[in-house]
C-alpha cells in the first residue's frame, strides 16, 4: 500500500512542472519514509511480544508439571512418614513384650 502511494507521488511529481508541486512531492516522500520506518518498528515490537507470549505459555506449562511433581513427592513423603511411624511403633511394642519361651 505504501509502495503504491510512493509510485503515485512519484508519478505526480513528474507530471507537475512547478516548484510547488516538486516540494509537495518531496515532502510526501519524506513522510512516506517515516511511515515505512514506523510500520517496521511496530512490526518488530509485535514479533517480540508474540515471542514473549509463546515463552510465557511454555513456562506456565513447565510450572504446572513441576507443581504436579511436587504434589506427588509431598504425598510420597507423607506416606513414607506414616510407614516409618508404624514401624517404630511396632518395634517399641515388641520390645516391651515378654519373650515367647515355653
N, C-alpha and C. Protein backbone atom coordinates (compact mmCIF):
# COMPACT_ATOMS: atom_id res chain seq x y z
N UNK A 1 0.83 -1.17 0.00
CA UNK A 1 0.00 0.00 0.00
C UNK A 1 0.89 1.25 0.00
N UNK A 2 1.91 1.23 0.83
CA UNK A 2 2.82 2.38 0.88
C UNK A 2 3.59 2.52 -0.43
N UNK A 3 3.93 1.40 -1.06
CA UNK A 3 4.64 1.48 -2.33
C UNK A 3 3.75 2.08 -3.41
N UNK A 4 2.47 1.73 -3.39
CA UNK A 4 1.54 2.30 -4.35
C UNK A 4 1.46 3.80 -4.17
N UNK A 5 1.43 4.24 -2.92
CA UNK A 5 1.40 5.67 -2.64
C UNK A 5 2.68 6.35 -3.14
N UNK A 6 3.80 5.67 -2.93
CA UNK A 6 5.09 6.21 -3.38
C UNK A 6 5.11 6.36 -4.90
N UNK A 7 4.62 5.33 -5.59
CA UNK A 7 4.58 5.40 -7.05
C UNK A 7 3.65 6.52 -7.52
N UNK A 8 2.54 6.66 -6.84
CA UNK A 8 1.59 7.71 -7.19
C UNK A 8 2.23 9.08 -7.02
N UNK A 9 2.91 9.27 -5.90
CA UNK A 9 3.55 10.56 -5.64
C UNK A 9 4.66 10.81 -6.66
N UNK A 10 5.42 9.78 -6.96
CA UNK A 10 6.49 9.95 -7.95
C UNK A 10 5.92 10.32 -9.31
N UNK A 11 4.86 9.67 -9.70
CA UNK A 11 4.23 9.96 -10.99
C UNK A 11 3.68 11.39 -11.01
N UNK A 12 3.07 11.80 -9.92
CA UNK A 12 2.53 13.17 -9.83
C UNK A 12 3.64 14.21 -9.87
N UNK A 13 4.77 13.88 -9.24
CA UNK A 13 5.87 14.84 -9.23
C UNK A 13 6.47 15.00 -10.63
N UNK A 14 6.46 13.94 -11.41
CA UNK A 14 6.98 14.02 -12.78
C UNK A 14 6.03 14.81 -13.67
N UNK A 15 4.73 14.69 -13.39
CA UNK A 15 3.74 15.41 -14.20
C UNK A 15 3.79 16.91 -13.92
N UNK A 16 3.89 17.28 -12.66
CA UNK A 16 3.89 18.69 -12.30
C UNK A 16 5.23 19.33 -12.58
N UNK A 17 5.22 20.46 -13.19
CA UNK A 17 6.49 21.12 -13.53
C UNK A 17 6.82 22.25 -12.58
N UNK A 18 5.86 22.66 -11.74
CA UNK A 18 6.09 23.78 -10.84
C UNK A 18 6.91 23.37 -9.64
N UNK A 19 7.63 24.32 -9.06
CA UNK A 19 8.46 24.03 -7.89
C UNK A 19 7.61 23.72 -6.67
N UNK A 20 6.40 24.23 -6.63
CA UNK A 20 5.49 23.94 -5.51
C UNK A 20 5.09 22.48 -5.47
N UNK A 21 4.80 21.93 -6.64
CA UNK A 21 4.42 20.51 -6.67
C UNK A 21 5.63 19.62 -6.39
N UNK A 22 6.80 20.07 -6.80
CA UNK A 22 8.02 19.32 -6.52
C UNK A 22 8.27 19.29 -5.00
N UNK A 23 8.07 20.38 -4.34
CA UNK A 23 8.27 20.45 -2.89
C UNK A 23 7.25 19.57 -2.18
N UNK A 24 6.01 19.59 -2.65
CA UNK A 24 4.99 18.73 -2.05
C UNK A 24 5.34 17.26 -2.25
N UNK A 25 5.85 16.92 -3.42
CA UNK A 25 6.22 15.53 -3.70
C UNK A 25 7.37 15.10 -2.80
N UNK A 26 8.34 15.96 -2.60
CA UNK A 26 9.47 15.62 -1.73
C UNK A 26 9.01 15.46 -0.29
N UNK A 27 8.11 16.32 0.13
CA UNK A 27 7.56 16.21 1.49
C UNK A 27 6.79 14.90 1.64
N UNK A 28 6.02 14.55 0.62
CA UNK A 28 5.26 13.30 0.67
C UNK A 28 6.21 12.10 0.71
N UNK A 29 7.29 12.15 -0.02
CA UNK A 29 8.27 11.06 0.01
C UNK A 29 8.93 10.95 1.39
N UNK A 30 9.23 12.08 2.01
CA UNK A 30 9.81 12.05 3.36
C UNK A 30 8.82 11.44 4.36
N UNK A 31 7.56 11.86 4.26
CA UNK A 31 6.53 11.31 5.14
C UNK A 31 6.35 9.81 4.90
N UNK A 32 6.43 9.44 3.64
CA UNK A 32 6.30 8.02 3.28
C UNK A 32 7.43 7.21 3.93
N UNK A 33 8.64 7.73 3.89
CA UNK A 33 9.78 7.03 4.50
C UNK A 33 9.59 6.93 6.01
N UNK A 34 9.07 8.00 6.61
CA UNK A 34 8.81 7.97 8.06
C UNK A 34 7.75 6.92 8.39
N UNK A 35 6.70 6.87 7.60
CA UNK A 35 5.64 5.88 7.84
C UNK A 35 6.16 4.45 7.66
N UNK A 36 6.99 4.25 6.66
CA UNK A 36 7.57 2.92 6.46
C UNK A 36 8.38 2.48 7.67
N UNK A 37 9.18 3.39 8.17
CA UNK A 37 10.00 3.09 9.35
C UNK A 37 9.12 2.80 10.57
N UNK A 38 8.04 3.56 10.73
CA UNK A 38 7.12 3.33 11.85
C UNK A 38 6.48 1.95 11.76
N UNK A 39 6.11 1.56 10.56
CA UNK A 39 5.50 0.24 10.37
C UNK A 39 6.52 -0.85 10.69
N UNK A 40 7.76 -0.67 10.28
CA UNK A 40 8.81 -1.66 10.58
C UNK A 40 9.02 -1.79 12.09
N UNK A 41 9.06 -0.66 12.77
CA UNK A 41 9.25 -0.68 14.23
C UNK A 41 8.07 -1.38 14.90
N UNK A 42 6.86 -1.05 14.49
CA UNK A 42 5.67 -1.67 15.08
C UNK A 42 5.65 -3.18 14.83
N UNK A 43 6.04 -3.58 13.64
CA UNK A 43 6.09 -5.00 13.31
C UNK A 43 7.11 -5.73 14.18
N UNK A 44 8.25 -5.12 14.39
CA UNK A 44 9.28 -5.72 15.25
C UNK A 44 8.77 -5.87 16.68
N UNK A 45 8.08 -4.87 17.18
CA UNK A 45 7.52 -4.93 18.53
C UNK A 45 6.48 -6.04 18.65
N UNK A 46 5.65 -6.17 17.62
CA UNK A 46 4.63 -7.23 17.64
C UNK A 46 5.28 -8.62 17.62
N UNK A 47 6.34 -8.78 16.85
CA UNK A 47 7.03 -10.06 16.80
C UNK A 47 7.68 -10.38 18.15
N UNK A 48 8.26 -9.37 18.80
CA UNK A 48 8.85 -9.58 20.12
C UNK A 48 7.79 -9.97 21.14
N UNK A 49 6.64 -9.31 21.08
CA UNK A 49 5.54 -9.62 22.00
C UNK A 49 5.04 -11.04 21.77
N UNK A 50 4.94 -11.46 20.52
CA UNK A 50 4.48 -12.82 20.23
C UNK A 50 5.48 -13.85 20.76
N UNK A 51 6.77 -13.57 20.61
CA UNK A 51 7.79 -14.48 21.12
C UNK A 51 7.72 -14.57 22.65
N UNK A 52 7.51 -13.43 23.30
CA UNK A 52 7.40 -13.43 24.77
C UNK A 52 6.15 -14.18 25.22
N UNK A 53 5.05 -14.02 24.50
CA UNK A 53 3.82 -14.75 24.84
C UNK A 53 4.03 -16.25 24.70
N UNK A 54 4.73 -16.65 23.66
CA UNK A 54 4.99 -18.07 23.46
C UNK A 54 5.90 -18.61 24.57
N UNK A 55 6.90 -17.84 24.95
CA UNK A 55 7.80 -18.26 26.02
C UNK A 55 7.04 -18.35 27.35
N UNK A 56 6.13 -17.41 27.59
CA UNK A 56 5.34 -17.42 28.80
C UNK A 56 4.44 -18.66 28.86
N UNK A 57 3.85 -19.02 27.74
CA UNK A 57 3.00 -20.21 27.69
C UNK A 57 3.82 -21.47 28.01
N UNK A 58 5.02 -21.54 27.47
CA UNK A 58 5.89 -22.68 27.77
C UNK A 58 6.27 -22.74 29.23
N UNK A 59 6.56 -21.57 29.81
CA UNK A 59 6.91 -21.51 31.23
C UNK A 59 5.74 -21.94 32.12
N UNK A 60 4.54 -21.53 31.73
CA UNK A 60 3.35 -21.92 32.50
C UNK A 60 3.16 -23.43 32.46
N UNK A 61 3.42 -24.03 31.31
CA UNK A 61 3.29 -25.48 31.19
C UNK A 61 4.32 -26.18 32.07
N UNK A 62 5.55 -25.70 32.06
CA UNK A 62 6.60 -26.29 32.89
C UNK A 62 6.26 -26.12 34.37
N UNK A 63 5.73 -24.95 34.73
CA UNK A 63 5.34 -24.71 36.11
C UNK A 63 4.27 -25.70 36.55
N UNK A 64 3.30 -25.95 35.71
CA UNK A 64 2.26 -26.93 36.02
C UNK A 64 2.85 -28.32 36.24
N UNK A 65 3.81 -28.70 35.40
CA UNK A 65 4.44 -30.01 35.57
C UNK A 65 5.20 -30.09 36.89
N UNK A 66 5.91 -29.02 37.23
CA UNK A 66 6.65 -29.01 38.50
C UNK A 66 5.70 -29.03 39.70
N UNK A 67 4.59 -28.34 39.61
CA UNK A 67 3.62 -28.36 40.70
C UNK A 67 3.04 -29.76 40.89
N UNK A 68 2.76 -30.44 39.79
CA UNK A 68 2.25 -31.81 39.88
C UNK A 68 3.30 -32.74 40.49
N UNK A 69 4.55 -32.56 40.08
CA UNK A 69 5.64 -33.37 40.64
C UNK A 69 5.80 -33.11 42.13
N UNK A 70 5.71 -31.86 42.54
CA UNK A 70 5.81 -31.50 43.95
C UNK A 70 4.69 -32.14 44.75
N UNK A 71 3.47 -32.10 44.23
CA UNK A 71 2.34 -32.71 44.91
C UNK A 71 2.57 -34.21 45.08
N UNK A 72 3.07 -34.85 44.05
CA UNK A 72 3.34 -36.28 44.11
C UNK A 72 4.42 -36.59 45.15
N UNK A 73 5.48 -35.79 45.18
CA UNK A 73 6.55 -36.01 46.15
C UNK A 73 6.09 -35.76 47.58
N UNK A 74 5.25 -34.75 47.78
CA UNK A 74 4.72 -34.50 49.12
C UNK A 74 3.86 -35.66 49.59
N UNK A 75 3.06 -36.22 48.69
CA UNK A 75 2.23 -37.38 49.03
C UNK A 75 3.10 -38.58 49.36
N UNK A 76 4.15 -38.81 48.60
CA UNK A 76 5.07 -39.92 48.88
C UNK A 76 5.76 -39.72 50.21
N UNK A 77 6.18 -38.50 50.50
CA UNK A 77 6.84 -38.19 51.76
C UNK A 77 5.90 -38.46 52.93
N UNK A 78 4.66 -38.06 52.82
CA UNK A 78 3.67 -38.30 53.88
C UNK A 78 3.46 -39.80 54.08
N UNK A 79 3.35 -40.53 52.98
CA UNK A 79 3.15 -41.98 53.06
C UNK A 79 4.34 -42.65 53.74
N UNK A 80 5.54 -42.27 53.37
CA UNK A 80 6.73 -42.85 53.99
C UNK A 80 6.82 -42.49 55.47
N UNK A 81 6.42 -41.28 55.83
CA UNK A 81 6.43 -40.88 57.24
C UNK A 81 5.46 -41.75 58.04
N UNK A 82 4.29 -42.05 57.47
CA UNK A 82 3.33 -42.92 58.17
C UNK A 82 3.88 -44.34 58.33
N UNK A 83 4.53 -44.87 57.29
CA UNK A 83 5.11 -46.21 57.38
C UNK A 83 6.23 -46.25 58.41
N UNK A 84 7.04 -45.21 58.46
CA UNK A 84 8.12 -45.15 59.44
C UNK A 84 7.56 -45.08 60.85
N UNK A 85 6.54 -44.29 61.04
CA UNK A 85 5.93 -44.19 62.36
C UNK A 85 5.33 -45.53 62.79
N UNK A 86 4.67 -46.21 61.88
CA UNK A 86 4.08 -47.51 62.20
C UNK A 86 5.18 -48.52 62.52
N UNK A 87 6.26 -48.50 61.76
CA UNK A 87 7.35 -49.45 62.00
C UNK A 87 8.01 -49.20 63.36
N UNK A 88 8.21 -47.94 63.73
CA UNK A 88 8.83 -47.66 65.03
C UNK A 88 7.87 -47.98 66.16
N UNK A 89 6.56 -47.78 65.95
CA UNK A 89 5.58 -48.16 66.98
C UNK A 89 5.55 -49.67 67.16
N UNK A 90 5.62 -50.43 66.07
CA UNK A 90 5.62 -51.89 66.16
C UNK A 90 6.86 -52.39 66.89
N UNK A 91 8.00 -51.79 66.66
CA UNK A 91 9.24 -52.20 67.33
C UNK A 91 9.18 -51.92 68.83
N UNK A 92 8.61 -50.77 69.17
CA UNK A 92 8.54 -50.44 70.60
C UNK A 92 7.57 -51.37 71.32
N UNK A 93 6.54 -51.83 70.65
CA UNK A 93 5.60 -52.77 71.28
C UNK A 93 6.23 -54.15 71.44
N UNK A 94 7.03 -54.58 70.48
CA UNK A 94 7.65 -55.90 70.59
C UNK A 94 8.80 -55.88 71.59
N UNK A 95 9.38 -54.74 71.83
CA UNK A 95 10.49 -54.65 72.81
C UNK A 95 9.95 -54.78 74.22
N UNK A 96 8.76 -54.32 74.50
CA UNK A 96 8.19 -54.39 75.83
C UNK A 96 7.47 -55.71 76.12
N UNK A 97 7.31 -56.53 75.16
CA UNK A 97 6.62 -57.79 75.30
C UNK A 97 7.57 -58.86 75.85
N UNK A 98 7.08 -59.70 76.71
CA UNK A 98 7.94 -60.79 77.21
C UNK A 98 8.22 -61.79 76.09
N UNK A 99 9.35 -62.43 76.14
CA UNK A 99 9.67 -63.41 75.09
C UNK A 99 8.71 -64.59 75.09
N UNK A 100 8.52 -65.15 73.91
CA UNK A 100 7.65 -66.32 73.76
C UNK A 100 8.47 -67.59 73.98
N UNK A 101 8.75 -67.88 75.23
CA UNK A 101 9.51 -69.08 75.56
C UNK A 101 8.63 -69.95 76.42
N UNK A 102 8.58 -71.24 76.15
CA UNK A 102 7.76 -72.15 76.93
C UNK A 102 8.59 -72.92 77.88
